[in-house]
Every structure is written in C-alpha cells, then in structure tokens.
Amino acid sequence: LLLRLYFTFRAPNVAVPKETLIYIPTGSNYNDVLNILANN
C-alpha cells in the first residue's frame, strides 16, 4: 500500500527529459486538460 501510494502520489511521473511548457486555454475542462497532457 505504501509503495502504491508512493508511486501514485510521490514518484516522478514526468516523461519529458527537460522543462516543457503546457498551455491550457481559457474555458478548458478537465477532459481537455487530460487530452492536452496526452497529446504532448
């Protein structure tokens, strides 16, 4: 359980090798954000 909590909350989950800027347009909803993260 602790490992699951760690990997879920605390473990690194960024796939990009360097800082990446993500733009969330005005009016976006939660699903839009998920799509933006997936597309990038």
Full PDB file with SEQRES, HELIX, SHEET, SSBOND, CRYST1, ORIGX, SCALE, CONECT and MASTER records, all heavy atoms in Angstrom:
SEQRES   1 A   40  LEU LEU LEU ARG LEU TYR PHE THR PHE ARG ALA PRO ASN          
SEQRES   2 A   40  VAL ALA VAL PRO LYS GLU THR LEU ILE TYR ILE PRO THR          
SEQRES   3 A   40  GLY SER ASN TYR ASN ASP VAL LEU ASN ILE LEU ALA ASN          
SEQRES   4 A   40  ASN                                                          
HELIX    1 AA1 LEU A    2  LEU A    5  1                                   4    
HELIX    2 AA2 TYR A    6  ARG A   10  3                                   5    
HELIX    3 AA3 TYR A   30  ASN A   39  1                                  10    
CRYST1    1.000    1.000    1.000  90.00  90.00  90.00 P 1           1          
ORIGX1      1.000000  0.000000  0.000000        0.00000                         
ORIGX2      0.000000  1.000000  0.000000        0.00000                         
ORIGX3      0.000000  0.000000  1.000000        0.00000                         
SCALE1      1.000000  0.000000  0.000000        0.00000                         
SCALE2      0.000000  1.000000  0.000000        0.00000                         
SCALE3      0.000000  0.000000  1.000000        0.00000                         
ATOM      1  N   LEU A   1       0.829  -1.211   0.000  1.00  0.00           N  
ATOM      2  CA  LEU A   1       0.000   0.000   0.000  1.00  0.00           C  
ATOM      3  C   LEU A   1       0.861   1.258   0.000  1.00  0.00           C  
ATOM      4  O   LEU A   1       0.567   2.233  -0.710  1.00  0.00           O  
ATOM      5  CB  LEU A   1      -0.941  -0.010   1.210  1.00  0.00           C  
ATOM      6  CG  LEU A   1      -2.116  -0.984   1.150  1.00  0.00           C  
ATOM      7  CD1 LEU A   1      -2.869  -0.989   2.483  1.00  0.00           C  
ATOM      8  CD2 LEU A   1      -3.059  -0.612   0.014  1.00  0.00           C  
ATOM      9  N   LEU A   2       1.926   1.209   0.817  1.00  0.00           N  
ATOM     10  CA  LEU A   2       2.818   2.365   0.860  1.00  0.00           C  
ATOM     11  C   LEU A   2       3.498   2.580  -0.485  1.00  0.00           C  
ATOM     12  O   LEU A   2       3.648   3.725  -0.947  1.00  0.00           O  
ATOM     13  CB  LEU A   2       3.865   2.184   1.955  1.00  0.00           C  
ATOM     14  CG  LEU A   2       3.363   2.320   3.397  1.00  0.00           C  
ATOM     15  CD1 LEU A   2       4.459   1.959   4.392  1.00  0.00           C  
ATOM     16  CD2 LEU A   2       2.870   3.746   3.658  1.00  0.00           C  
ATOM     17  N   LEU A   3       3.912   1.480  -1.096  1.00  0.00           N  
ATOM     18  CA  LEU A   3       4.534   1.587  -2.411  1.00  0.00           C  
ATOM     19  C   LEU A   3       3.552   2.139  -3.438  1.00  0.00           C  
ATOM     20  O   LEU A   3       3.913   2.977  -4.275  1.00  0.00           O  
ATOM     21  CB  LEU A   3       5.057   0.223  -2.864  1.00  0.00           C  
ATOM     22  CG  LEU A   3       6.322  -0.277  -2.171  1.00  0.00           C  
ATOM     23  CD1 LEU A   3       6.627  -1.711  -2.592  1.00  0.00           C  
ATOM     24  CD2 LEU A   3       7.502   0.632  -2.490  1.00  0.00           C  
ATOM     25  N   ARG A   4       2.303   1.663  -3.349  1.00  0.00           N  
ATOM     26  CA  ARG A   4       1.286   2.156  -4.298  1.00  0.00           C  
ATOM     27  C   ARG A   4       1.044   3.652  -4.089  1.00  0.00           C  
ATOM     28  O   ARG A   4       0.929   4.415  -5.061  1.00  0.00           O  
ATOM     29  CB  ARG A   4      -0.007   1.375  -4.129  1.00  0.00           C  
ATOM     30  CG  ARG A   4      -1.069   1.806  -5.131  1.00  0.00           C  
ATOM     31  CD  ARG A   4      -2.324   0.986  -5.010  1.00  0.00           C  
ATOM     32  NE  ARG A   4      -3.304   1.426  -5.988  1.00  0.00           N  
ATOM     33  CZ  ARG A   4      -4.517   0.911  -6.102  1.00  0.00           C  
ATOM     34  NH1 ARG A   4      -4.912  -0.076  -5.303  1.00  0.00           N  
ATOM     35  NH2 ARG A   4      -5.364   1.379  -7.017  1.00  0.00           N  
ATOM     36  N   LEU A   5       0.959   4.038  -2.799  1.00  0.00           N  
ATOM     37  CA  LEU A   5       0.760   5.467  -2.512  1.00  0.00           C  
ATOM     38  C   LEU A   5       1.959   6.286  -3.012  1.00  0.00           C  
ATOM     39  O   LEU A   5       1.801   7.373  -3.559  1.00  0.00           O  
ATOM     40  CB  LEU A   5       0.565   5.682  -1.011  1.00  0.00           C  
ATOM     41  CG  LEU A   5      -0.777   5.231  -0.435  1.00  0.00           C  
ATOM     42  CD1 LEU A   5      -0.756   5.331   1.085  1.00  0.00           C  
ATOM     43  CD2 LEU A   5      -1.919   6.063  -1.009  1.00  0.00           C  
ATOM     44  N   TYR A   6       3.159   5.723  -2.802  1.00  0.00           N  
ATOM     45  CA  TYR A   6       4.351   6.441  -3.253  1.00  0.00           C  
ATOM     46  C   TYR A   6       4.341   6.615  -4.768  1.00  0.00           C  
ATOM     47  O   TYR A   6       4.542   7.726  -5.283  1.00  0.00           O  
ATOM     48  CB  TYR A   6       5.613   5.689  -2.826  1.00  0.00           C  
ATOM     49  CG  TYR A   6       6.859   6.232  -3.457  1.00  0.00           C  
ATOM     50  CD1 TYR A   6       7.442   7.414  -2.998  1.00  0.00           C  
ATOM     51  CD2 TYR A   6       7.440   5.582  -4.549  1.00  0.00           C  
ATOM     52  CE1 TYR A   6       8.574   7.933  -3.600  1.00  0.00           C  
ATOM     53  CE2 TYR A   6       8.578   6.100  -5.155  1.00  0.00           C  
ATOM     54  CZ  TYR A   6       9.136   7.275  -4.683  1.00  0.00           C  
ATOM     55  OH  TYR A   6      10.252   7.786  -5.285  1.00  0.00           O  
ATOM     56  N   PHE A   7       4.122   5.521  -5.481  1.00  0.00           N  
ATOM     57  CA  PHE A   7       4.145   5.604  -6.941  1.00  0.00           C  
ATOM     58  C   PHE A   7       2.990   6.445  -7.483  1.00  0.00           C  
ATOM     59  O   PHE A   7       3.124   7.079  -8.534  1.00  0.00           O  
ATOM     60  CB  PHE A   7       4.101   4.196  -7.552  1.00  0.00           C  
ATOM     61  CG  PHE A   7       5.426   3.506  -7.534  1.00  0.00           C  
ATOM     62  CD1 PHE A   7       5.656   2.425  -6.696  1.00  0.00           C  
ATOM     63  CD2 PHE A   7       6.471   3.952  -8.329  1.00  0.00           C  
ATOM     64  CE1 PHE A   7       6.898   1.801  -6.666  1.00  0.00           C  
ATOM     65  CE2 PHE A   7       7.714   3.330  -8.313  1.00  0.00           C  
ATOM     66  CZ  PHE A   7       7.930   2.252  -7.468  1.00  0.00           C  
ATOM     67  N   THR A   8       1.891   6.462  -6.738  1.00  0.00           N  
ATOM     68  CA  THR A   8       0.748   7.265  -7.195  1.00  0.00           C  
ATOM     69  C   THR A   8       0.950   8.741  -6.915  1.00  0.00           C  
ATOM     70  O   THR A   8       0.725   9.590  -7.793  1.00  0.00           O  
ATOM     71  CB  THR A   8      -0.556   6.785  -6.524  1.00  0.00           C  
ATOM     72  OG1 THR A   8      -0.780   5.421  -6.851  1.00  0.00           O  
ATOM     73  CG2 THR A   8      -1.741   7.623  -6.991  1.00  0.00           C  
ATOM     74  N   PHE A   9       1.406   9.081  -5.709  1.00  0.00           N  
ATOM     75  CA  PHE A   9       1.473  10.482  -5.290  1.00  0.00           C  
ATOM     76  C   PHE A   9       2.874  11.097  -5.413  1.00  0.00           C  
ATOM     77  O   PHE A   9       3.000  12.256  -5.798  1.00  0.00           O  
ATOM     78  CB  PHE A   9       0.999  10.619  -3.836  1.00  0.00           C  
ATOM     79  CG  PHE A   9      -0.487  10.542  -3.672  1.00  0.00           C  
ATOM     80  CD1 PHE A   9      -1.121   9.317  -3.543  1.00  0.00           C  
ATOM     81  CD2 PHE A   9      -1.270  11.682  -3.647  1.00  0.00           C  
ATOM     82  CE1 PHE A   9      -2.500   9.232  -3.384  1.00  0.00           C  
ATOM     83  CE2 PHE A   9      -2.640  11.620  -3.494  1.00  0.00           C  
ATOM     84  CZ  PHE A   9      -3.265  10.377  -3.365  1.00  0.00           C  
ATOM     85  N   ARG A  10       3.902  10.340  -5.071  1.00  0.00           N  
ATOM     86  CA  ARG A  10       5.224  10.947  -4.899  1.00  0.00           C  
ATOM     87  C   ARG A  10       6.248  10.586  -5.964  1.00  0.00           C  
ATOM     88  O   ARG A  10       7.199  11.339  -6.191  1.00  0.00           O  
ATOM     89  CB  ARG A  10       5.792  10.548  -3.530  1.00  0.00           C  
ATOM     90  CG  ARG A  10       4.942  10.997  -2.353  1.00  0.00           C  
ATOM     91  CD  ARG A  10       4.841  12.506  -2.291  1.00  0.00           C  
ATOM     92  NE  ARG A  10       4.034  12.954  -1.152  1.00  0.00           N  
ATOM     93  CZ  ARG A  10       3.667  14.213  -0.959  1.00  0.00           C  
ATOM     94  NH1 ARG A  10       4.067  15.153  -1.826  1.00  0.00           N  
ATOM     95  NH2 ARG A  10       2.930  14.543   0.074  1.00  0.00           N  
ATOM     96  N   ALA A  11       6.094   9.475  -6.605  1.00  0.00           N  
ATOM     97  CA  ALA A  11       7.103   9.061  -7.581  1.00  0.00           C  
ATOM     98  C   ALA A  11       7.079   9.967  -8.808  1.00  0.00           C  
ATOM     99  O   ALA A  11       6.016  10.477  -9.200  1.00  0.00           O  
ATOM    100  CB  ALA A  11       6.856   7.614  -8.008  1.00  0.00           C  
ATOM    101  N   PRO A  12       8.230  10.227  -9.426  1.00  0.00           N  
ATOM    102  CA  PRO A  12       8.256  11.051 -10.649  1.00  0.00           C  
ATOM    103  C   PRO A  12       7.364  10.451 -11.732  1.00  0.00           C  
ATOM    104  O   PRO A  12       7.389   9.247 -11.954  1.00  0.00           O  
ATOM    105  CB  PRO A  12       9.731  11.013 -11.058  1.00  0.00           C  
ATOM    106  CG  PRO A  12      10.471  10.726  -9.793  1.00  0.00           C  
ATOM    107  CD  PRO A  12       9.577   9.809  -9.014  1.00  0.00           C  
ATOM    108  N   ASN A  13       6.585  11.316 -12.376  1.00  0.00           N  
ATOM    109  CA  ASN A  13       5.673  10.827 -13.420  1.00  0.00           C  
ATOM    110  C   ASN A  13       5.731  11.709 -14.663  1.00  0.00           C  
ATOM    111  O   ASN A  13       4.796  11.747 -15.446  1.00  0.00           O  
ATOM    112  CB  ASN A  13       4.238  10.759 -12.880  1.00  0.00           C  
ATOM    113  CG  ASN A  13       3.313   9.980 -13.809  1.00  0.00           C  
ATOM    114  OD1 ASN A  13       3.741   9.051 -14.498  1.00  0.00           O  
ATOM    115  ND2 ASN A  13       2.044  10.377 -13.860  1.00  0.00           N  
ATOM    116  N   VAL A  14       6.834  12.431 -14.821  1.00  0.00           N  
ATOM    117  CA  VAL A  14       7.007  13.276 -15.999  1.00  0.00           C  
ATOM    118  C   VAL A  14       7.849  12.528 -17.015  1.00  0.00           C  
ATOM    119  O   VAL A  14       8.936  12.037 -16.693  1.00  0.00           O  
ATOM    120  CB  VAL A  14       7.669  14.621 -15.634  1.00  0.00           C  
ATOM    121  CG1 VAL A  14       7.991  15.417 -16.886  1.00  0.00           C  
ATOM    122  CG2 VAL A  14       6.743  15.428 -14.725  1.00  0.00           C  
ATOM    123  N   ALA A  15       7.356  12.444 -18.230  1.00  0.00           N  
ATOM    124  CA  ALA A  15       8.027  11.658 -19.269  1.00  0.00           C  
ATOM    125  C   ALA A  15       9.043  12.468 -20.070  1.00  0.00           C  
ATOM    126  O   ALA A  15       9.893  11.906 -20.745  1.00  0.00           O  
ATOM    127  CB  ALA A  15       6.987  11.054 -20.208  1.00  0.00           C  
ATOM    128  N   VAL A  16       8.955  13.797 -20.017  1.00  0.00           N  
ATOM    129  CA  VAL A  16       9.822  14.637 -20.855  1.00  0.00           C  
ATOM    130  C   VAL A  16      11.184  14.820 -20.184  1.00  0.00           C  
ATOM    131  O   VAL A  16      11.281  14.905 -18.959  1.00  0.00           O  
ATOM    132  CB  VAL A  16       9.163  16.007 -21.122  1.00  0.00           C  
ATOM    133  CG1 VAL A  16       7.973  15.847 -22.041  1.00  0.00           C  
ATOM    134  CG2 VAL A  16       8.744  16.679 -19.824  1.00  0.00           C  
ATOM    135  N   PRO A  17      12.267  14.899 -20.972  1.00  0.00           N  
ATOM    136  CA  PRO A  17      13.614  14.991 -20.408  1.00  0.00           C  
ATOM    137  C   PRO A  17      14.008  16.393 -19.950  1.00  0.00           C  
ATOM    138  O   PRO A  17      15.019  16.564 -19.270  1.00  0.00           O  
ATOM    139  CB  PRO A  17      14.499  14.529 -21.565  1.00  0.00           C  
ATOM    140  CG  PRO A  17      13.739  14.924 -22.792  1.00  0.00           C  
ATOM    141  CD  PRO A  17      12.285  14.739 -22.444  1.00  0.00           C  
ATOM    142  N   LYS A  18      13.250  17.402 -20.340  1.00  0.00           N  
ATOM    143  CA  LYS A  18      13.556  18.771 -19.918  1.00  0.00           C  
ATOM    144  C   LYS A  18      12.245  19.533 -19.696  1.00  0.00           C  
ATOM    145  O   LYS A  18      11.163  19.052 -20.051  1.00  0.00           O  
ATOM    146  CB  LYS A  18      14.403  19.484 -20.968  1.00  0.00           C  
ATOM    147  CG  LYS A  18      13.735  19.609 -22.321  1.00  0.00           C  
ATOM    148  CD  LYS A  18      14.658  20.314 -23.326  1.00  0.00           C  
ATOM    149  CE  LYS A  18      13.985  20.446 -24.691  1.00  0.00           C  
ATOM    150  NZ  LYS A  18      14.855  21.133 -25.669  1.00  0.00           N  
ATOM    151  N   GLU A  19      12.351  20.710 -19.100  1.00  0.00           N  
ATOM    152  CA  GLU A  19      11.151  21.505 -18.808  1.00  0.00           C  
ATOM    153  C   GLU A  19      10.325  21.704 -20.075  1.00  0.00           C  
ATOM    154  O   GLU A  19      10.828  22.101 -21.116  1.00  0.00           O  
ATOM    155  CB  GLU A  19      11.540  22.860 -18.227  1.00  0.00           C  
ATOM    156  CG  GLU A  19      10.342  23.749 -17.918  1.00  0.00           C  
ATOM    157  CD  GLU A  19      10.740  25.079 -17.304  1.00  0.00           C  
ATOM    158  OE1 GLU A  19      11.067  25.103 -16.102  1.00  0.00           O  
ATOM    159  OE2 GLU A  19      10.738  26.087 -18.046  1.00  0.00           O  
ATOM    160  N   THR A  20       9.049  21.431 -19.954  1.00  0.00           N  
ATOM    161  CA  THR A  20       8.120  21.562 -21.073  1.00  0.00           C  
ATOM    162  C   THR A  20       6.943  22.432 -20.659  1.00  0.00           C  
ATOM    163  O   THR A  20       6.346  22.204 -19.606  1.00  0.00           O  
ATOM    164  CB  THR A  20       7.612  20.184 -21.531  1.00  0.00           C  
ATOM    165  OG1 THR A  20       8.727  19.389 -21.947  1.00  0.00           O  
ATOM    166  CG2 THR A  20       6.626  20.319 -22.689  1.00  0.00           C  
ATOM    167  N   LEU A  21       6.628  23.427 -21.476  1.00  0.00           N  
ATOM    168  CA  LEU A  21       5.517  24.320 -21.170  1.00  0.00           C  
ATOM    169  C   LEU A  21       4.235  23.779 -21.789  1.00  0.00           C  
ATOM    170  O   LEU A  21       4.195  23.443 -22.967  1.00  0.00           O  
ATOM    171  CB  LEU A  21       5.805  25.726 -21.694  1.00  0.00           C  
ATOM    172  CG  LEU A  21       7.054  26.414 -21.130  1.00  0.00           C  
ATOM    173  CD1 LEU A  21       7.214  27.809 -21.722  1.00  0.00           C  
ATOM    174  CD2 LEU A  21       7.009  26.478 -19.609  1.00  0.00           C  
ATOM    175  N   ILE A  22       3.203  23.718 -20.969  1.00  0.00           N  
ATOM    176  CA  ILE A  22       1.898  23.245 -21.411  1.00  0.00           C  
ATOM    177  C   ILE A  22       0.903  24.389 -21.269  1.00  0.00           C  
ATOM    178  O   ILE A  22       0.821  25.028 -20.215  1.00  0.00           O  
ATOM    179  CB  ILE A  22       1.434  22.036 -20.573  1.00  0.00           C  
ATOM    180  CG1 ILE A  22       2.398  20.868 -20.760  1.00  0.00           C  
ATOM    181  CG2 ILE A  22       0.016  21.622 -20.947  1.00  0.00           C  
ATOM    182  CD1 ILE A  22       2.495  20.361 -22.188  1.00  0.00           C  
ATOM    183  N   TYR A  23       0.154  24.646 -22.336  1.00  0.00           N  
ATOM    184  CA  TYR A  23      -0.788  25.764 -22.354  1.00  0.00           C  
ATOM    185  C   TYR A  23      -2.211  25.232 -22.268  1.00  0.00           C  
ATOM    186  O   TYR A  23      -2.646  24.433 -23.107  1.00  0.00           O  
ATOM    187  CB  TYR A  23      -0.609  26.578 -23.634  1.00  0.00           C  
ATOM    188  CG  TYR A  23       0.785  27.136 -23.792  1.00  0.00           C  
ATOM    189  CD1 TYR A  23       1.776  26.413 -24.465  1.00  0.00           C  
ATOM    190  CD2 TYR A  23       1.132  28.370 -23.243  1.00  0.00           C  
ATOM    191  CE1 TYR A  23       3.063  26.914 -24.600  1.00  0.00           C  
ATOM    192  CE2 TYR A  23       2.413  28.879 -23.370  1.00  0.00           C  
ATOM    193  CZ  TYR A  23       3.369  28.142 -24.049  1.00  0.00           C  
ATOM    194  OH  TYR A  23       4.651  28.646 -24.164  1.00  0.00           O  
ATOM    195  N   ILE A  24      -2.924  25.705 -21.251  1.00  0.00           N  
ATOM    196  CA  ILE A  24      -4.324  25.320 -21.060  1.00  0.00           C  
ATOM    197  C   ILE A  24      -5.191  26.534 -21.379  1.00  0.00           C  
ATOM    198  O   ILE A  24      -5.206  27.513 -20.629  1.00  0.00           O  
ATOM    199  CB  ILE A  24      -4.574  24.842 -19.626  1.00  0.00           C  
ATOM    200  CG1 ILE A  24      -3.695  23.618 -19.328  1.00  0.00           C  
ATOM    201  CG2 ILE A  24      -6.054  24.510 -19.409  1.00  0.00           C  
ATOM    202  CD1 ILE A  24      -3.787  23.120 -17.911  1.00  0.00           C  
ATOM    203  N   PRO A  25      -5.907  26.503 -22.501  1.00  0.00           N  
ATOM    204  CA  PRO A  25      -6.699  27.670 -22.914  1.00  0.00           C  
ATOM    205  C   PRO A  25      -7.849  27.972 -21.951  1.00  0.00           C  
ATOM    206  O   PRO A  25      -8.339  27.085 -21.237  1.00  0.00           O  
ATOM    207  CB  PRO A  25      -7.237  27.255 -24.294  1.00  0.00           C  
ATOM    208  CG  PRO A  25      -6.348  26.146 -24.736  1.00  0.00           C  
ATOM    209  CD  PRO A  25      -5.942  25.430 -23.489  1.00  0.00           C  
ATOM    210  N   THR A  26      -8.253  29.235 -21.950  1.00  0.00           N  
ATOM    211  CA  THR A  26      -9.412  29.652 -21.166  1.00  0.00           C  
ATOM    212  C   THR A  26     -10.650  28.869 -21.628  1.00  0.00           C  
ATOM    213  O   THR A  26     -10.869  28.701 -22.822  1.00  0.00           O  
ATOM    214  CB  THR A  26      -9.661  31.154 -21.343  1.00  0.00           C  
ATOM    215  OG1 THR A  26      -8.507  31.863 -20.854  1.00  0.00           O  
ATOM    216  CG2 THR A  26     -10.900  31.612 -20.584  1.00  0.00           C  
ATOM    217  N   GLY A  27     -11.428  28.408 -20.654  1.00  0.00           N  
ATOM    218  CA  GLY A  27     -12.631  27.642 -20.968  1.00  0.00           C  
ATOM    219  C   GLY A  27     -12.411  26.140 -21.020  1.00  0.00           C  
ATOM    220  O   GLY A  27     -13.364  25.382 -21.228  1.00  0.00           O  
ATOM    221  N   SER A  28     -11.168  25.698 -20.820  1.00  0.00           N  
ATOM    222  CA  SER A  28     -10.892  24.259 -20.854  1.00  0.00           C  
ATOM    223  C   SER A  28     -11.497  23.562 -19.647  1.00  0.00           C  
ATOM    224  O   SER A  28     -11.566  24.120 -18.543  1.00  0.00           O  
ATOM    225  CB  SER A  28      -9.378  24.015 -20.864  1.00  0.00           C  
ATOM    226  OG  SER A  28      -8.781  24.543 -22.023  1.00  0.00           O  
ATOM    227  N   ASN A  29     -11.934  22.310 -19.830  1.00  0.00           N  
ATOM    228  CA  ASN A  29     -12.404  21.498 -18.716  1.00  0.00           C  
ATOM    229  C   ASN A  29     -11.391  20.397 -18.413  1.00  0.00           C  
ATOM    230  O   ASN A  29     -10.327  20.316 -19.054  1.00  0.00           O  
ATOM    231  CB  ASN A  29     -13.795  20.911 -19.010  1.00  0.00           C  
ATOM    232  CG  ASN A  29     -13.810  20.053 -20.270  1.00  0.00           C  
ATOM    233  OD1 ASN A  29     -12.816  19.395 -20.598  1.00  0.00           O  
ATOM    234  ND2 ASN A  29     -14.930  20.064 -20.985  1.00  0.00           N  
ATOM    235  N   TYR A  30     -11.722  19.547 -17.464  1.00  0.00           N  
ATOM    236  CA  TYR A  30     -10.794  18.511 -17.018  1.00  0.00           C  
ATOM    237  C   TYR A  30     -10.403  17.564 -18.150  1.00  0.00           C  
ATOM    238  O   TYR A  30      -9.223  17.235 -18.311  1.00  0.00           O  
ATOM    239  CB  TYR A  30     -11.433  17.743 -15.861  1.00  0.00           C  
ATOM    240  CG  TYR A  30     -10.608  16.588 -15.362  1.00  0.00           C  
ATOM    241  CD1 TYR A  30      -9.349  16.785 -14.820  1.00  0.00           C  
ATOM    242  CD2 TYR A  30     -11.117  15.283 -15.419  1.00  0.00           C  
ATOM    243  CE1 TYR A  30      -8.588  15.716 -14.345  1.00  0.00           C  
ATOM    244  CE2 TYR A  30     -10.375  14.209 -14.945  1.00  0.00           C  
ATOM    245  CZ  TYR A  30      -9.113  14.430 -14.413  1.00  0.00           C  
ATOM    246  OH  TYR A  30      -8.370  13.371 -13.958  1.00  0.00           O  
ATOM    247  N   ASN A  31     -11.376  17.148 -18.946  1.00  0.00           N  
ATOM    248  CA  ASN A  31     -11.074  16.246 -20.067  1.00  0.00           C  
ATOM    249  C   ASN A  31     -10.160  16.918 -21.085  1.00  0.00           C  
ATOM    250  O   ASN A  31      -9.304  16.267 -21.692  1.00  0.00           O  
ATOM    251  CB  ASN A  31     -12.365  15.781 -20.740  1.00  0.00           C  
ATOM    252  CG  ASN A  31     -13.114  14.768 -19.898  1.00  0.00           C  
ATOM    253  OD1 ASN A  31     -12.499  14.001 -19.151  1.00  0.00           O  
ATOM    254  ND2 ASN A  31     -14.437  14.767 -20.001  1.00  0.00           N  
ATOM    255  N   ASP A  32     -10.350  18.225 -21.282  1.00  0.00           N  
ATOM    256  CA  ASP A  32      -9.462  18.964 -22.191  1.00  0.00           C  
ATOM    257  C   ASP A  32      -8.021  18.903 -21.688  1.00  0.00           C  
ATOM    258  O   ASP A  32      -7.078  18.726 -22.472  1.00  0.00           O  
ATOM    259  CB  ASP A  32      -9.906  20.417 -22.314  1.00  0.00           C  
ATOM    260  CG  ASP A  32     -11.254  20.568 -22.985  1.00  0.00           C  
ATOM    261  OD1 ASP A  32     -11.581  19.753 -23.860  1.00  0.00           O  
ATOM    262  OD2 ASP A  32     -11.994  21.520 -22.628  1.00  0.00           O  
ATOM    263  N   VAL A  33      -7.866  19.067 -20.364  1.00  0.00           N  
ATOM    264  CA  VAL A  33      -6.525  19.033 -19.783  1.00  0.00           C  
ATOM    265  C   VAL A  33      -5.885  17.665 -20.002  1.00  0.00           C  
ATOM    266  O   VAL A  33      -4.714  17.567 -20.400  1.00  0.00           O  
ATOM    267  CB  VAL A  33      -6.574  19.368 -18.279  1.00  0.00           C  
ATOM    268  CG1 VAL A  33      -5.192  19.178 -17.647  1.00  0.00           C  
ATOM    269  CG2 VAL A  33      -7.049  20.795 -18.064  1.00  0.00           C  
ATOM    270  N   LEU A  34      -6.649  16.609 -19.773  1.00  0.00           N  
ATOM    271  CA  LEU A  34      -6.123  15.259 -19.986  1.00  0.00           C  
ATOM    272  C   LEU A  34      -5.685  15.061 -21.436  1.00  0.00           C  
ATOM    273  O   LEU A  34      -4.633  14.460 -21.709  1.00  0.00           O  
ATOM    274  CB  LEU A  34      -7.166  14.220 -19.601  1.00  0.00           C  
ATOM    275  CG  LEU A  34      -7.549  14.147 -18.112  1.00  0.00           C  
ATOM    276  CD1 LEU A  34      -8.622  13.081 -17.895  1.00  0.00           C  
ATOM    277  CD2 LEU A  34      -6.332  13.872 -17.240  1.00  0.00           C  
ATOM    278  N   ASN A  35      -6.490  15.574 -22.356  1.00  0.00           N  
ATOM    279  CA  ASN A  35      -6.141  15.441 -23.777  1.00  0.00           C  
ATOM    280  C   ASN A  35      -4.876  16.223 -24.116  1.00  0.00           C  
ATOM    281  O   ASN A  35      -4.025  15.759 -24.894  1.00  0.00           O  
ATOM    282  CB  ASN A  35      -7.299  15.917 -24.650  1.00  0.00           C  
ATOM    283  CG  ASN A  35      -8.476  14.962 -24.624  1.00  0.00           C  
ATOM    284  OD1 ASN A  35      -8.296  13.752 -24.429  1.00  0.00           O  
ATOM    285  ND2 ASN A  35      -9.681  15.486 -24.809  1.00  0.00           N  
ATOM    286  N   ILE A  36      -4.744  17.420 -23.535  1.00  0.00           N  
ATOM    287  CA  ILE A  36      -3.556  18.237 -23.780  1.00  0.00           C  
ATOM    288  C   ILE A  36      -2.314  17.532 -23.264  1.00  0.00           C  
ATOM    289  O   ILE A  36      -1.276  17.474 -23.942  1.00  0.00           O  
ATOM    290  CB  ILE A  36      -3.715  19.630 -23.124  1.00  0.00           C  
ATOM    291  CG1 ILE A  36      -4.800  20.436 -23.842  1.00  0.00           C  
ATOM    292  CG2 ILE A  36      -2.390  20.390 -23.139  1.00  0.00           C  
ATOM    293  CD1 ILE A  36      -5.214  21.700 -23.113  1.00  0.00           C  
ATOM    294  N   LEU A  37      -2.408  16.965 -22.059  1.00  0.00           N  
ATOM    295  CA  LEU A  37      -1.262  16.251 -21.489  1.00  0.00           C  
ATOM    296  C   LEU A  37      -0.919  15.021 -22.315  1.00  0.00           C  
ATOM    297  O   LEU A  37       0.264  14.713 -22.540  1.00  0.00           O  
ATOM    298  CB  LEU A  37      -1.574  15.855 -20.043  1.00  0.00           C  
ATOM    299  CG  LEU A  37      -1.758  17.011 -19.053  1.00  0.00           C  
ATOM    300  CD1 LEU A  37      -2.147  16.475 -17.680  1.00  0.00           C  
ATOM    301  CD2 LEU A  37      -0.495  17.861 -18.960  1.00  0.00           C  
ATOM    302  N   ALA A  38      -1.940  14.325 -22.773  1.00  0.00           N  
ATOM    303  CA  ALA A  38      -1.703  13.129 -23.580  1.00  0.00           C  
ATOM    304  C   ALA A  38      -1.085  13.483 -24.924  1.00  0.00           C  
ATOM    305  O   ALA A  38      -0.140  12.829 -25.384  1.00  0.00           O  
ATOM    306  CB  ALA A  38      -3.015  12.368 -23.767  1.00  0.00           C  
ATOM    307  N   ASN A  39      -1.612  14.508 -25.561  1.00  0.00           N  
ATOM    308  CA  ASN A  39      -1.105  14.904 -26.884  1.00  0.00           C  
ATOM    309  C   ASN A  39       0.349  15.382 -26.825  1.00  0.00           C  
ATOM    310  O   ASN A  39       1.101  15.216 -27.785  1.00  0.00           O  
ATOM    311  CB  ASN A  39      -1.988  15.996 -27.488  1.00  0.00           C  
ATOM    312  CG  ASN A  39      -3.363  15.501 -27.856  1.00  0.00           C  
ATOM    313  OD1 ASN A  39      -3.561  14.305 -28.086  1.00  0.00           O  
ATOM    314  ND2 ASN A  39      -4.345  16.400 -27.908  1.00  0.00           N  
ATOM    315  N   ASN A  40       0.707  15.977 -25.690  1.00  0.00           N  
ATOM    316  CA  ASN A  40       2.082  16.462 -25.533  1.00  0.00           C  
ATOM    317  C   ASN A  40       3.003  15.404 -24.921  1.00  0.00           C  
ATOM    318  O   ASN A  40       4.192  15.679 -24.708  1.00  0.00           O  
ATOM    319  CB  ASN A  40       2.092  17.732 -24.679  1.00  0.00           C  
ATOM    320  CG  ASN A  40       1.599  18.956 -25.424  1.00  0.00           C  
ATOM    321  OD1 ASN A  40       2.354  19.606 -26.127  1.00  0.00           O  
ATOM    322  ND2 ASN A  40       0.319  19.274 -25.280  1.00  0.00           N  
TER     323      ASN A  40                                                      
MASTER        0    0    0    3    0    0    0    6  322    1    0    4          
END                                                                             
